[in-house]
Protein backbone atom coordinates (compact mmCIF):
# COMPACT_ATOMS: atom_id res chain seq x y z
CA MET A 1 178.70 25.87 56.44
CA ALA A 2 180.16 26.46 59.91
CA SER A 3 177.32 24.39 61.36
CA SER A 4 178.11 21.41 59.12
CA SER A 5 181.84 21.72 59.92
CA PHE A 6 181.03 21.69 63.62
CA LEU A 7 178.84 18.63 63.07
CA VAL A 8 181.63 16.79 61.28
CA VAL A 9 184.20 17.67 63.96
CA SER A 10 181.75 16.71 66.75
CA SER A 11 180.95 13.42 65.06
CA LEU A 12 184.61 12.61 64.54
CA LEU A 13 185.41 13.46 68.15
CA ALA A 14 182.63 11.18 69.38
CA LEU A 15 183.81 8.39 67.07
CA VAL A 16 187.46 8.71 68.16
CA LEU A 17 186.51 8.74 71.83
CA SER A 18 184.30 5.69 71.34
CA VAL A 19 187.03 3.77 69.55
CA LEU A 20 189.67 4.68 72.13
CA PHE A 21 187.54 3.79 75.13
CA PHE A 22 185.86 0.66 73.79
CA ASN A 23 189.00 -0.83 72.23
CA GLY A 24 190.98 -0.42 75.42
CA VAL A 25 193.47 2.10 74.05
CA VAL A 26 192.50 4.41 76.88
CA PRO A 27 191.29 2.54 79.95
CA MET A 28 187.89 3.65 81.22
CA HIS A 29 189.38 4.69 84.55
CA ALA A 30 191.67 7.16 82.77
CA ALA A 31 188.84 9.66 82.53
CA SER A 32 186.36 10.35 85.28
CA SER A 33 182.69 9.88 84.57
CA ASP A 34 182.31 13.66 84.86
CA ASP A 35 184.90 14.08 82.07
CA VAL A 36 183.08 11.62 79.81
CA VAL A 37 179.70 13.20 80.48
CA SER A 38 181.19 16.66 80.01
CA THR A 39 182.71 15.68 76.66
CA ILE A 40 179.54 14.02 75.38
CA CYS A 41 177.13 16.64 76.70
CA ASN A 42 179.12 19.69 75.69
CA SER A 43 180.15 18.55 72.22
CA THR A 44 177.18 16.49 71.15
CA ILE A 45 174.06 17.60 72.96
CA CYS A 46 174.18 20.67 75.18
CA LYS A 47 175.69 23.12 72.71
CA LYS A 48 172.65 22.56 70.52
CA THR A 49 170.09 23.28 73.26
CA ARG A 50 168.54 26.52 74.48
CA ASN A 51 170.35 26.53 77.83
CA LEU A 52 173.80 24.96 78.07
CA SER A 53 174.07 25.02 81.87
CA ILE A 54 170.63 23.48 82.50
CA CYS A 55 171.38 20.84 79.87
CA PHE A 56 174.69 19.93 81.45
CA ASN A 57 173.19 19.75 84.96
CA VAL A 58 170.26 17.64 83.79
CA LEU A 59 172.35 15.18 81.79
CA LYS A 60 175.06 14.97 84.43
CA SER A 61 172.46 13.73 86.91
CA ALA A 62 171.12 11.14 84.45
CA GLY A 63 173.73 8.54 85.38
CA THR A 64 174.22 7.42 81.80
CA THR A 65 175.67 8.62 78.51
CA ASP A 66 173.54 6.27 76.39
CA LEU A 67 171.24 8.34 74.17
CA LYS A 68 168.14 6.24 74.86
CA GLY A 69 168.92 6.36 78.58
CA LEU A 70 169.36 10.13 78.43
CA ALA A 71 166.09 10.46 76.50
CA THR A 72 164.24 8.34 79.06
CA PHE A 73 165.68 10.27 82.00
CA THR A 74 164.96 13.65 80.40
CA LEU A 75 161.42 12.67 79.36
CA ASN A 76 160.65 11.55 82.91
CA LEU A 77 161.99 14.82 84.25
CA ALA A 78 160.00 16.81 81.67
CA HIS A 79 156.86 14.85 82.57
CA ASP A 80 157.27 15.60 86.28
CA LYS A 81 157.99 19.29 85.67
CA THR A 82 155.07 19.62 83.25
CA ILE A 83 152.68 18.06 85.78
CA GLY A 84 154.07 20.40 88.46
CA ASN A 85 153.50 23.43 86.25
CA ARG A 86 149.95 22.30 85.51
CA ALA A 87 149.27 21.98 89.26
CA LEU A 88 150.71 25.45 89.82
CA ALA A 89 148.50 26.93 87.08
CA GLN A 90 145.45 25.19 88.60
CA SER A 91 146.29 26.56 92.03
CA LEU A 92 146.82 30.08 90.70
CA ALA A 93 143.55 29.97 88.74
CA SER A 94 141.63 28.95 91.84
CA LYS A 95 143.07 31.77 93.99
CA VAL A 96 143.39 34.81 91.72
CA ALA A 97 140.81 37.60 91.90
CA ASP A 98 141.68 39.32 88.61
CA PRO A 99 139.42 37.82 85.88
CA ASP A 100 142.02 38.43 83.14
CA LEU A 101 144.71 36.54 85.04
CA LYS A 102 142.23 33.78 85.93
CA GLU A 103 141.46 33.34 82.24
CA ARG A 104 145.18 33.16 81.44
CA TYR A 105 145.82 30.62 84.20
CA ASP A 106 142.86 28.55 82.96
CA THR A 107 144.39 28.69 79.47
CA CYS A 108 147.69 27.50 80.93
CA VAL A 109 145.94 24.60 82.67
CA GLU A 110 144.50 23.52 79.30
CA ARG A 111 147.85 23.96 77.58
CA TYR A 112 149.67 21.99 80.28
CA ASN A 113 147.04 19.23 80.05
CA ASP A 114 147.89 18.93 76.37
CA ALA A 115 151.64 19.15 77.09
CA VAL A 116 151.37 16.27 79.59
CA LYS A 117 149.58 14.17 76.94
CA ASP A 118 152.27 15.07 74.39
CA ILE A 119 155.11 14.09 76.72
CA GLU A 120 153.34 10.81 77.53
CA GLY A 121 153.01 10.24 73.79
CA ALA A 122 156.70 11.04 73.34
CA LYS A 123 157.56 8.44 75.99
CA GLY A 124 155.51 5.88 74.10
CA TYR A 125 157.28 6.66 70.85
CA LEU A 126 160.70 6.40 72.50
CA GLY A 127 159.70 2.97 73.83
CA LYS A 128 158.80 1.88 70.28
CA GLY A 129 162.06 3.26 68.88
CA ASP A 130 160.11 5.81 66.82
CA TYR A 131 162.39 8.83 67.20
CA LYS A 132 160.46 10.93 64.72
CA GLY A 133 157.37 10.50 66.91
CA LEU A 134 159.49 11.34 69.96
CA ASN A 135 160.58 14.54 68.25
CA THR A 136 157.09 15.47 67.03
CA TYR A 137 155.37 14.97 70.37
CA THR A 138 158.09 16.76 72.32
CA PHE A 139 157.83 19.69 69.95
CA GLY A 140 154.07 19.63 70.47
CA ALA A 141 154.56 19.87 74.24
CA MET A 142 156.94 22.78 73.76
CA THR A 143 154.37 24.55 71.58
CA GLU A 144 151.70 24.13 74.26
CA VAL A 145 153.93 25.58 76.99
CA ASP A 146 154.96 28.41 74.67
CA ALA A 147 151.28 29.29 74.17
CA CYS A 148 150.83 29.46 77.95
CA LEU A 149 153.89 31.70 78.29
CA PHE A 150 152.60 33.96 75.53
CA SER A 151 149.26 34.40 77.32
CA LEU A 152 151.08 35.22 80.57
CA SER A 153 153.14 37.93 78.85
CA LYS A 154 150.10 40.16 78.38
CA LEU A 155 149.05 42.88 80.82
CA PRO A 156 148.34 42.71 83.67
CA LYS A 157 151.72 41.13 84.13
CA ASP A 158 151.86 37.78 85.89
CA SER A 159 154.15 37.84 88.93
CA SER A 160 153.98 34.14 89.78
CA THR A 161 156.74 31.59 89.23
CA LEU A 162 154.77 30.00 86.38
CA PRO A 163 156.53 31.89 83.55
CA GLY A 164 160.00 30.99 84.87
CA ASN A 165 158.94 27.39 85.44
CA GLY A 166 157.57 27.29 81.89
CA LYS A 167 160.85 28.50 80.43
CA ALA A 168 162.72 25.88 82.47
CA VAL A 169 160.52 23.06 81.19
CA GLU A 170 160.99 24.32 77.63
CA ASP A 171 164.76 24.10 78.22
CA ILE A 172 164.29 20.45 79.18
CA TYR A 173 162.16 19.85 76.09
CA SER A 174 164.96 21.32 73.96
CA ILE A 175 167.34 18.68 75.37
CA ILE A 176 164.90 15.96 74.34
CA LEU A 177 164.62 17.42 70.84
CA VAL A 178 168.41 17.35 70.38
CA ILE A 179 168.60 13.77 71.67
CA ALA A 180 165.73 12.75 69.36
CA ASN A 181 167.58 14.26 66.40
CA LEU A 182 170.77 12.41 67.40
CA LEU A 183 168.80 9.17 67.63
CA LEU A 184 167.38 9.92 64.17
CA GLY A 185 170.87 10.63 62.89
CA HIS A 186 170.04 14.23 61.92
CA ALA A 187 172.15 16.16 64.40
């Protein structure tokens, strides 16, 4: 109930702001771009993600408040970070002496390979305007990274930056999922 009330209030706020800005009641220069981004990101997107501060920083640097533009920017960022994490896992697997950790890093390489494919698929679906496909493939990428993180949580404990990097990329995926739901009209 509180969730649906918040949704109604958020939707109304977005509608009122849109009407005021686009009908000239409040000139665009009356609010800084940071204020507009802050309003949109905090009320519509970021409060629904896993990490509010990462969401705000990511979307603030996007240079747009258009949902498709935000989705494109965030998907590109997720793609780059996912590829970086895969390269890190490959590097760790090639250097580690412990056979258990090597197996886990090899698992992460496979999982990140699949996550890269999922994010590329999500980009394709966004380009087609298929927001359900965008959502499904992004969730698939998140599931792959989560499986890597789960394998790294076992003993012996992994001390690399891969777990932290994995959590950060999952935070970016959560932004995409919220945007996909907004584009679908379900948020």
